[in-house]
Amino acid sequence: MELREARVFIAVAEELSFTRAGDRLALGTPSVSETIKLLERHYGRRLFDRDPRSVELTAFGQALLPAARALLCAHDELEQLAERLSGAHQITIGTLYGLGARLMRQVVAQHSAQEPLLAVARVYDWTEPSCGLRTDEVDIAVLVGPTSADHQIHRVPLGTIARLALLPEGALPAHRDTVSLAEVDAVGWIPIEASDQVWDRAWRLDDVRGGAPPLNGPAQATIEGMVEGIRAGVGATITIEAFTQLYAPVGMAYARVSDVPPLQVDLACRADRAQPPLSALIELARERFAPGQWY
């Protein structure tokens, strides 16, 4: 049933008159009658019982009427939304592996309740830890840890998130859910080809131990290669809780690292863009941030 057909059907159902329905819709009675006949041929059932003196909905017509009204209501809501968004501001949000996407969806929805806002998400991987801010591809980004582009970036802290060790299965005694940095280093790290040395050193905790960790094997070109190396028992790495949502711990074990600082999570934009509506989004995000739930 198309919108025009739905309008005619509803008008006849409410007026119980082809003539009054035509007057209401500024259509001739023959046009109304032909539309109803086309619908009845389409469905293979009569919508109305009619004689020269009366028009009544059939049981089939009564059953279709609520859905026809819902169709018109949905169309009207769509038109109102499109009109409301026609002047909406659009922003592009960068995320690392999609981390922070749920938080930003909530923030954008809350902001849009007051002021229309269109948001487009772009997902980045470890090869671009500034999530598009360095290259000016996004307006705002959820960043985890420092990057070499920080001199271009205005950061607003959201909070922190704990670090987890990702180890080969069996590397820890049963029922251990914590590990020290020294124990991770004893297993050895699986290196990954980092494009941003500042980000890489922060994730490896070079500043905590005073240098790079012991590395096992050649650097991996992908996260998947690193994960497979851990599953094969070659080495370990340190990550964050959100990473556990991306890779099932088959052949691996996660354990909280007890003696290292958490990673900083920031909402950031380029330093020359720290103005509304970004500042409003930042404040909303800070209100909603909850460790373990922001991804």
Protein backbone atom coordinates (compact mmCIF):
# COMPACT_ATOMS: atom_id res chain seq x y z
CA MET A 1 0.00 0.00 0.00
CA GLU A 2 1.50 3.29 -1.11
CA LEU A 3 1.06 6.58 0.77
CA ARG A 4 -1.55 7.96 -1.62
CA GLU A 5 -3.50 4.72 -1.43
CA ALA A 6 -3.27 4.72 2.36
CA ARG A 7 -4.65 8.27 2.52
CA VAL A 8 -7.59 7.36 0.32
CA PHE A 9 -8.30 4.15 2.24
CA ILE A 10 -8.19 5.93 5.61
CA ALA A 11 -10.41 8.79 4.37
CA VAL A 12 -13.06 6.39 3.09
CA ALA A 13 -12.85 4.32 6.30
CA GLU A 14 -13.35 7.41 8.45
CA GLU A 15 -15.96 9.14 6.29
CA LEU A 16 -17.76 5.94 5.21
CA SER A 17 -18.48 7.79 2.00
CA PHE A 18 -16.55 7.90 -1.27
CA THR A 19 -17.91 11.37 -1.98
CA ARG A 20 -16.96 12.86 1.41
CA ALA A 21 -13.55 11.17 1.23
CA GLY A 22 -13.02 12.77 -2.19
CA ASP A 23 -14.00 16.18 -0.88
CA ARG A 24 -11.63 15.77 2.06
CA LEU A 25 -8.71 14.86 -0.21
CA ALA A 26 -9.65 17.22 -3.06
CA LEU A 27 -10.17 14.22 -5.34
CA GLY A 28 -13.07 13.29 -7.54
CA THR A 29 -15.31 10.45 -6.43
CA PRO A 30 -14.33 8.29 -9.45
CA SER A 31 -10.65 8.63 -8.48
CA VAL A 32 -11.40 7.51 -4.92
CA SER A 33 -13.46 4.58 -6.16
CA GLU A 34 -10.76 3.47 -8.60
CA THR A 35 -8.07 3.62 -5.89
CA ILE A 36 -10.11 1.38 -3.59
CA LYS A 37 -10.78 -1.06 -6.45
CA LEU A 38 -7.05 -1.24 -7.23
CA LEU A 39 -6.29 -2.00 -3.57
CA GLU A 40 -8.95 -4.69 -3.44
CA ARG A 41 -7.57 -6.31 -6.59
CA HIS A 42 -4.06 -6.15 -5.10
CA TYR A 43 -5.08 -7.85 -1.85
CA GLY A 44 -7.68 -10.11 -3.39
CA ARG A 45 -10.18 -9.13 -0.68
CA ARG A 46 -12.88 -6.49 -0.34
CA LEU A 47 -12.05 -3.54 1.89
CA PHE A 48 -15.59 -2.16 1.99
CA ASP A 49 -19.11 -3.45 1.66
CA ARG A 50 -21.05 -0.83 -0.27
CA ASP A 51 -24.47 -0.31 -1.74
CA PRO A 52 -26.17 2.84 -3.08
CA ARG A 53 -27.00 3.97 0.46
CA SER A 54 -24.05 2.91 2.67
CA VAL A 55 -20.35 2.08 2.87
CA GLU A 56 -19.03 -0.19 5.62
CA LEU A 57 -15.58 -1.58 6.37
CA THR A 58 -15.21 -5.31 5.98
CA ALA A 59 -13.42 -7.33 8.65
CA PHE A 60 -10.39 -7.38 6.35
CA GLY A 61 -10.53 -3.59 5.97
CA GLN A 62 -10.82 -3.12 9.73
CA ALA A 63 -7.74 -5.30 10.23
CA LEU A 64 -5.71 -3.21 7.74
CA LEU A 65 -6.77 0.19 9.03
CA PRO A 66 -4.35 0.46 12.03
CA ALA A 67 -1.38 -0.47 9.84
CA ALA A 68 -2.40 2.09 7.20
CA ARG A 69 -2.61 4.77 9.89
CA ALA A 70 0.80 3.71 11.22
CA LEU A 71 2.21 4.04 7.69
CA LEU A 72 1.01 7.63 7.42
CA CYS A 73 2.21 8.42 10.94
CA ALA A 74 5.67 7.04 10.19
CA HIS A 75 5.84 9.08 6.99
CA ASP A 76 4.85 12.26 8.83
CA GLU A 77 7.48 11.60 11.51
CA LEU A 78 10.09 11.01 8.82
CA GLU A 79 9.25 14.29 7.12
CA GLN A 80 9.38 16.18 10.42
CA LEU A 81 12.75 14.62 11.27
CA ALA A 82 14.16 15.41 7.84
CA GLU A 83 13.04 19.01 8.17
CA ARG A 84 14.55 19.23 11.65
CA LEU A 85 17.86 17.80 10.49
CA SER A 86 18.07 19.88 7.33
CA GLY A 87 19.96 22.53 9.24
CA ALA A 88 21.81 20.17 11.58
CA HIS A 89 25.52 20.50 12.17
CA GLN A 90 27.51 17.47 11.01
CA ILE A 91 30.59 16.16 12.73
CA THR A 92 32.90 13.22 12.08
CA ILE A 93 34.00 11.15 15.08
CA GLY A 94 37.13 8.99 15.06
CA THR A 95 37.49 5.88 17.20
CA LEU A 96 40.24 3.30 17.67
CA TYR A 97 38.85 -0.08 16.59
CA GLY A 98 35.41 1.35 17.32
CA LEU A 99 36.27 1.81 21.01
CA GLY A 100 34.18 4.58 22.48
CA ALA A 101 31.52 4.23 19.77
CA ARG A 102 28.77 3.36 22.25
CA LEU A 103 29.65 6.30 24.46
CA MET A 104 29.60 8.69 21.51
CA ARG A 105 26.26 7.36 20.23
CA GLN A 106 24.76 8.14 23.62
CA VAL A 107 26.36 11.57 23.71
CA VAL A 108 25.22 12.51 20.21
CA ALA A 109 21.67 11.31 20.95
CA GLN A 110 21.54 13.39 24.13
CA HIS A 111 22.94 16.45 22.34
CA SER A 112 20.50 16.04 19.45
CA ALA A 113 17.57 16.19 21.84
CA GLN A 114 18.45 19.87 22.33
CA GLU A 115 20.12 20.76 19.02
CA PRO A 116 20.06 18.69 15.80
CA LEU A 117 23.38 17.00 15.14
CA LEU A 118 24.46 14.52 12.48
CA ALA A 119 27.41 12.32 13.40
CA VAL A 120 29.50 10.14 11.10
CA ALA A 121 31.89 7.59 12.66
CA ARG A 122 35.26 6.62 11.22
CA VAL A 123 37.10 3.64 12.66
CA TYR A 124 40.91 3.58 12.81
CA ASP A 125 43.44 0.94 13.81
CA TRP A 126 46.82 1.04 15.54
CA THR A 127 48.44 2.56 12.43
CA GLU A 128 46.65 5.86 13.17
CA PRO A 129 46.24 6.19 16.96
CA SER A 130 45.22 9.86 16.68
CA CYS A 131 42.08 8.52 14.97
CA GLY A 132 42.15 11.01 12.12
CA LEU A 133 42.98 14.15 14.10
CA ARG A 134 46.56 14.28 12.82
CA THR A 135 45.36 14.24 9.21
CA ASP A 136 42.34 16.48 9.91
CA GLU A 137 39.92 13.76 8.74
CA VAL A 138 37.68 13.98 11.81
CA ASP A 139 36.30 16.71 14.04
CA ILE A 140 36.56 14.83 17.31
CA ALA A 141 37.98 11.52 18.50
CA VAL A 142 38.14 9.18 21.48
CA LEU A 143 41.84 8.66 22.17
CA VAL A 144 43.47 6.07 24.39
CA GLY A 145 47.02 7.02 25.33
CA PRO A 146 49.31 9.75 23.98
CA THR A 147 50.27 10.16 20.31
CA SER A 148 53.00 11.95 18.39
CA ALA A 149 50.36 14.39 17.11
CA ASP A 150 49.51 15.73 20.56
CA HIS A 151 51.04 19.12 19.81
CA GLN A 152 48.15 19.62 17.34
CA ILE A 153 45.47 18.27 19.64
CA HIS A 154 43.28 19.67 22.40
CA ARG A 155 42.53 16.86 24.86
CA VAL A 156 39.89 16.76 27.57
CA PRO A 157 40.25 13.86 30.04
CA LEU A 158 37.28 11.54 30.29
CA GLY A 159 38.83 9.14 32.77
CA THR A 160 41.13 6.16 32.88
CA ILE A 161 40.90 2.52 31.98
CA ALA A 162 42.80 -0.36 33.54
CA ARG A 163 45.41 -2.36 31.64
CA LEU A 164 45.16 -6.08 31.09
CA ALA A 165 47.88 -8.52 30.18
CA LEU A 166 47.12 -10.80 27.26
CA LEU A 167 49.12 -13.99 27.76
CA PRO A 168 49.32 -17.49 26.29
CA GLU A 169 46.90 -19.87 27.94
CA GLY A 170 48.69 -21.63 30.80
CA ALA A 171 51.24 -18.84 31.33
CA LEU A 172 49.64 -18.13 34.72
CA PRO A 173 48.70 -20.56 37.48
CA ALA A 174 45.03 -21.47 37.55
CA HIS A 175 42.65 -18.92 39.07
CA ARG A 176 45.18 -16.06 38.89
CA ASP A 177 43.44 -12.91 37.73
CA THR A 178 46.29 -10.46 38.30
CA VAL A 179 49.85 -10.30 37.04
CA SER A 180 52.80 -7.95 37.48
CA LEU A 181 54.63 -6.15 34.70
CA ALA A 182 57.72 -8.17 35.52
CA GLU A 183 55.78 -11.40 34.96
CA VAL A 184 54.61 -10.17 31.57
CA ASP A 185 58.18 -9.21 30.67
CA ALA A 186 59.34 -12.66 31.74
CA VAL A 187 57.05 -14.20 29.12
CA GLY A 188 58.36 -11.72 26.55
CA TRP A 189 56.46 -9.34 24.34
CA ILE A 190 55.27 -9.88 20.79
CA PRO A 191 56.19 -6.65 19.00
CA ILE A 192 54.03 -4.93 16.43
CA GLU A 193 55.14 -2.54 13.71
CA ALA A 194 54.22 0.80 15.23
CA SER A 195 53.70 3.90 13.10
CA ASP A 196 53.60 6.16 16.15
CA GLN A 197 56.50 5.67 18.53
CA VAL A 198 55.00 7.85 21.27
CA TRP A 199 51.84 5.75 21.33
CA ASP A 200 53.83 2.51 21.13
CA ARG A 201 56.13 3.38 24.06
CA ALA A 202 53.14 4.37 26.23
CA TRP A 203 51.29 1.11 25.55
CA ARG A 204 54.46 -0.92 26.22
CA LEU A 205 55.04 1.00 29.48
CA ASP A 206 58.60 1.93 28.55
CA ASP A 207 58.45 4.88 30.96
CA VAL A 208 57.45 2.61 33.86
CA ARG A 209 60.26 0.11 33.45
CA GLY A 210 62.77 2.65 32.10
CA GLY A 211 63.12 1.07 28.68
CA ALA A 212 61.66 -1.26 26.09
CA PRO A 213 60.49 -4.75 27.14
CA PRO A 214 62.13 -7.98 25.98
CA LEU A 215 60.73 -8.74 22.53
CA ASN A 216 60.08 -12.23 21.19
CA GLY A 217 60.35 -12.70 17.45
CA PRO A 218 59.96 -10.26 14.56
CA ALA A 219 57.50 -7.37 14.68
CA GLN A 220 54.02 -8.27 13.49
CA ALA A 221 52.35 -6.19 10.78
CA THR A 222 48.82 -6.75 12.10
CA ILE A 223 46.98 -7.10 15.38
CA GLU A 224 45.77 -10.48 14.17
CA GLY A 225 49.38 -11.65 13.75
CA MET A 226 50.18 -10.55 17.28
CA VAL A 227 47.12 -12.39 18.65
CA GLU A 228 48.02 -15.58 16.81
CA GLY A 229 51.55 -15.36 18.20
CA ILE A 230 50.17 -15.13 21.73
CA ARG A 231 47.89 -18.10 21.10
CA ALA A 232 50.90 -20.02 19.86
CA GLY A 233 52.74 -19.32 23.13
CA VAL A 234 55.39 -17.06 21.58
CA GLY A 235 54.88 -14.08 23.86
CA ALA A 236 52.47 -11.64 25.51
CA THR A 237 51.30 -8.05 25.41
CA ILE A 238 49.41 -5.54 27.52
CA THR A 239 46.10 -4.16 26.35
CA ILE A 240 42.87 -2.76 27.83
CA GLU A 241 39.59 -4.34 28.85
CA ALA A 242 37.82 -3.11 25.73
CA PHE A 243 40.13 -5.27 23.63
CA THR A 244 38.52 -8.36 25.12
CA GLN A 245 35.37 -7.43 23.20
CA LEU A 246 37.25 -7.73 19.91
CA TYR A 247 39.04 -11.05 20.30
CA ALA A 248 37.74 -14.16 21.98
CA PRO A 249 40.26 -15.50 24.52
CA VAL A 250 40.74 -18.82 22.72
CA GLY A 251 44.22 -20.08 23.60
CA MET A 252 44.85 -16.91 25.62
CA ALA A 253 44.25 -15.56 29.10
CA TYR A 254 43.52 -12.04 30.30
CA ALA A 255 44.79 -10.81 33.66
CA ARG A 256 44.75 -7.40 35.29
CA VAL A 257 48.19 -5.82 35.59
CA SER A 258 48.46 -4.85 39.24
CA ASP A 259 51.46 -2.55 39.37
CA VAL A 260 51.09 -0.17 36.42
CA PRO A 261 49.08 3.03 35.97
CA PRO A 262 45.85 2.94 33.95
CA LEU A 263 45.69 4.44 30.49
CA GLN A 264 44.20 7.88 30.04
CA VAL A 265 41.05 8.11 27.89
CA ASP A 266 40.45 11.53 26.30
CA LEU A 267 37.95 13.14 24.03
CA ALA A 268 40.01 15.26 21.68
CA CYS A 269 39.82 17.64 18.78
CA ARG A 270 42.38 19.65 16.88
CA ALA A 271 43.57 22.60 18.94
CA ASP A 272 42.04 25.12 16.53
CA ARG A 273 38.59 23.44 16.69
CA ALA A 274 37.88 23.54 20.45
CA GLN A 275 34.57 25.37 20.13
CA PRO A 276 30.82 24.60 20.10
CA PRO A 277 29.32 22.14 19.40
CA LEU A 278 32.48 20.16 20.23
CA SER A 279 32.76 21.68 23.68
CA ALA A 280 29.17 20.65 24.44
CA LEU A 281 29.86 17.10 23.28
CA ILE A 282 32.95 16.93 25.43
CA GLU A 283 31.02 17.94 28.55
CA LEU A 284 28.30 15.39 27.85
CA ALA A 285 30.89 12.67 27.29
CA ARG A 286 32.60 13.47 30.59
CA GLU A 287 29.27 13.11 32.38
CA ARG A 288 28.59 9.72 30.80
CA PHE A 289 32.05 8.14 30.91
CA ALA A 290 32.23 4.98 33.00
CA PRO A 291 35.30 2.69 32.94
CA GLY A 292 34.42 -0.70 31.50
CA GLN A 293 31.33 0.69 29.77
CA TRP A 294 32.63 3.38 27.44
CA TYR A 295 33.35 1.06 24.54
